[in-house]
Amino acid sequence: MNRTIKEATVRRYHDDSHDRLRAHLGDVVTAYNFAKRLMTLKGLTPYEFICKTWTTEPQRFKLNPMHNTPGLNT
């Protein structure tokens, strides 16, 4: 994960300020969590895996993870 973030931010782009780097880093982490399919999770994205686990074992969670879905109201 660290190498993935480093390649997507520091090695590829030069940000002029810390604020731009933070914004870009947030975009990279969001794309990773909602779009990157991982073989270790049987082809699911990290978010899909968490939602699937929540539906089968809701007692393991304090909050509903489906409330954190990015969309029009975020």
C-alpha atoms as a PDB file:
ATOM      1  CA  MET A   1       0.000   0.000   0.000  1.00  0.00           C
ATOM      2  CA  ASN A   2       2.784   2.455   0.824  1.00  0.00           C
ATOM      3  CA  ARG A   3       4.473   1.856  -2.523  1.00  0.00           C
ATOM      4  CA  THR A   4       1.158   2.289  -4.345  1.00  0.00           C
ATOM      5  CA  ILE A   5       0.546   5.661  -2.696  1.00  0.00           C
ATOM      6  CA  LYS A   6       4.124   6.809  -3.235  1.00  0.00           C
ATOM      7  CA  GLU A   7       4.054   5.929  -6.944  1.00  0.00           C
ATOM      8  CA  ALA A   8       0.685   7.625  -7.433  1.00  0.00           C
ATOM      9  CA  THR A   9       1.623  10.859  -5.671  1.00  0.00           C
ATOM     10  CA  VAL A  10       5.257  11.724  -5.036  1.00  0.00           C
ATOM     11  CA  ARG A  11       6.895  10.058  -8.024  1.00  0.00           C
ATOM     12  CA  ARG A  12       4.306  11.073 -10.585  1.00  0.00           C
ATOM     13  CA  TYR A  13       3.319  14.620  -9.618  1.00  0.00           C
ATOM     14  CA  HIS A  14       5.009  17.646  -8.110  1.00  0.00           C
ATOM     15  CA  ASP A  15       2.605  19.540  -5.891  1.00  0.00           C
ATOM     16  CA  ASP A  16       3.356  23.161  -5.105  1.00  0.00           C
ATOM     17  CA  SER A  17       1.877  23.128  -1.610  1.00  0.00           C
ATOM     18  CA  HIS A  18       0.950  20.789   1.188  1.00  0.00           C
ATOM     19  CA  ASP A  19      -2.739  21.496   0.631  1.00  0.00           C
ATOM     20  CA  ARG A  20      -2.561  20.291  -2.971  1.00  0.00           C
ATOM     21  CA  LEU A  21      -0.643  17.195  -1.849  1.00  0.00           C
ATOM     22  CA  ARG A  22      -3.259  16.451   0.818  1.00  0.00           C
ATOM     23  CA  ALA A  23      -6.082  16.835  -1.705  1.00  0.00           C
ATOM     24  CA  HIS A  24      -4.308  14.614  -4.219  1.00  0.00           C
ATOM     25  CA  LEU A  25      -3.554  12.022  -1.541  1.00  0.00           C
ATOM     26  CA  GLY A  26      -7.225  11.985  -0.545  1.00  0.00           C
ATOM     27  CA  ASP A  27      -8.207  11.371  -4.165  1.00  0.00           C
ATOM     28  CA  VAL A  28      -5.703   8.505  -4.481  1.00  0.00           C
ATOM     29  CA  VAL A  29      -6.911   6.806  -1.290  1.00  0.00           C
ATOM     30  CA  THR A  30     -10.557   7.203  -2.346  1.00  0.00           C
ATOM     31  CA  ALA A  31      -9.829   5.692  -5.754  1.00  0.00           C
ATOM     32  CA  TYR A  32      -7.971   2.819  -4.098  1.00  0.00           C
ATOM     33  CA  ASN A  33     -10.792   2.071  -1.654  1.00  0.00           C
ATOM     34  CA  PHE A  34     -13.664   2.320  -4.129  1.00  0.00           C
ATOM     35  CA  ALA A  35     -12.145   1.249  -7.478  1.00  0.00           C
ATOM     36  CA  LYS A  36      -9.101  -0.994  -6.989  1.00  0.00           C
ATOM     37  CA  ARG A  37     -10.006  -4.680  -7.095  1.00  0.00           C
ATOM     38  CA  LEU A  38      -7.671  -6.800  -4.998  1.00  0.00           C
ATOM     39  CA  MET A  39      -6.850 -10.466  -5.496  1.00  0.00           C
ATOM     40  CA  THR A  40      -6.493 -11.016  -1.730  1.00  0.00           C
ATOM     41  CA  LEU A  41     -10.128  -9.940  -1.321  1.00  0.00           C
ATOM     42  CA  LYS A  42     -11.288 -12.311  -4.081  1.00  0.00           C
ATOM     43  CA  GLY A  43     -11.651  -9.562  -6.674  1.00  0.00           C
ATOM     44  CA  LEU A  44     -13.580  -7.137  -4.473  1.00  0.00           C
ATOM     45  CA  THR A  45     -12.681  -3.553  -3.723  1.00  0.00           C
ATOM     46  CA  PRO A  46     -11.894  -2.813  -0.065  1.00  0.00           C
ATOM     47  CA  TYR A  47     -15.239  -1.012   0.285  1.00  0.00           C
ATOM     48  CA  GLU A  48     -17.183  -3.902  -1.272  1.00  0.00           C
ATOM     49  CA  PHE A  49     -15.432  -6.332   1.063  1.00  0.00           C
ATOM     50  CA  ILE A  50     -16.357  -4.260   4.123  1.00  0.00           C
ATOM     51  CA  CYS A  51     -19.998  -3.999   2.996  1.00  0.00           C
ATOM     52  CA  LYS A  52     -20.159  -7.744   2.329  1.00  0.00           C
ATOM     53  CA  THR A  53     -18.704  -8.475   5.773  1.00  0.00           C
ATOM     54  CA  TRP A  54     -21.165  -6.042   7.359  1.00  0.00           C
ATOM     55  CA  THR A  55     -24.155  -7.834   5.818  1.00  0.00           C
ATOM     56  CA  THR A  56     -22.988 -11.233   7.090  1.00  0.00           C
ATOM     57  CA  GLU A  57     -21.556 -10.143  10.487  1.00  0.00           C
ATOM     58  CA  PRO A  58     -23.075  -6.797  11.554  1.00  0.00           C
ATOM     59  CA  GLN A  59     -22.123  -7.344  15.209  1.00  0.00           C
ATOM     60  CA  ARG A  60     -18.462  -6.679  14.319  1.00  0.00           C
ATOM     61  CA  PHE A  61     -19.227  -3.055  13.389  1.00  0.00           C
ATOM     62  CA  LYS A  62     -20.283  -0.043  15.429  1.00  0.00           C
ATOM     63  CA  LEU A  63     -21.468   1.997  12.429  1.00  0.00           C
ATOM     64  CA  ASN A  64     -23.062   1.102   9.121  1.00  0.00           C
ATOM     65  CA  PRO A  65     -20.234   1.357   6.513  1.00  0.00           C
ATOM     66  CA  MET A  66     -22.731   2.028   3.721  1.00  0.00           C
ATOM     67  CA  HIS A  67     -23.238   5.544   5.128  1.00  0.00           C
ATOM     68  CA  ASN A  68     -19.703   6.429   3.959  1.00  0.00           C
ATOM     69  CA  THR A  69     -20.446   5.979   0.261  1.00  0.00           C
ATOM     70  CA  PRO A  70     -19.278   8.949  -1.818  1.00  0.00           C
ATOM     71  CA  GLY A  71     -21.977  10.506  -3.905  1.00  0.00           C
ATOM     72  CA  LEU A  72     -23.857  13.653  -4.728  1.00  0.00           C
ATOM     73  CA  ASN A  73     -24.286  14.778  -1.120  1.00  0.00           C
ATOM     74  CA  THR A  74     -20.624  14.536  -0.065  1.00  0.00           C
END
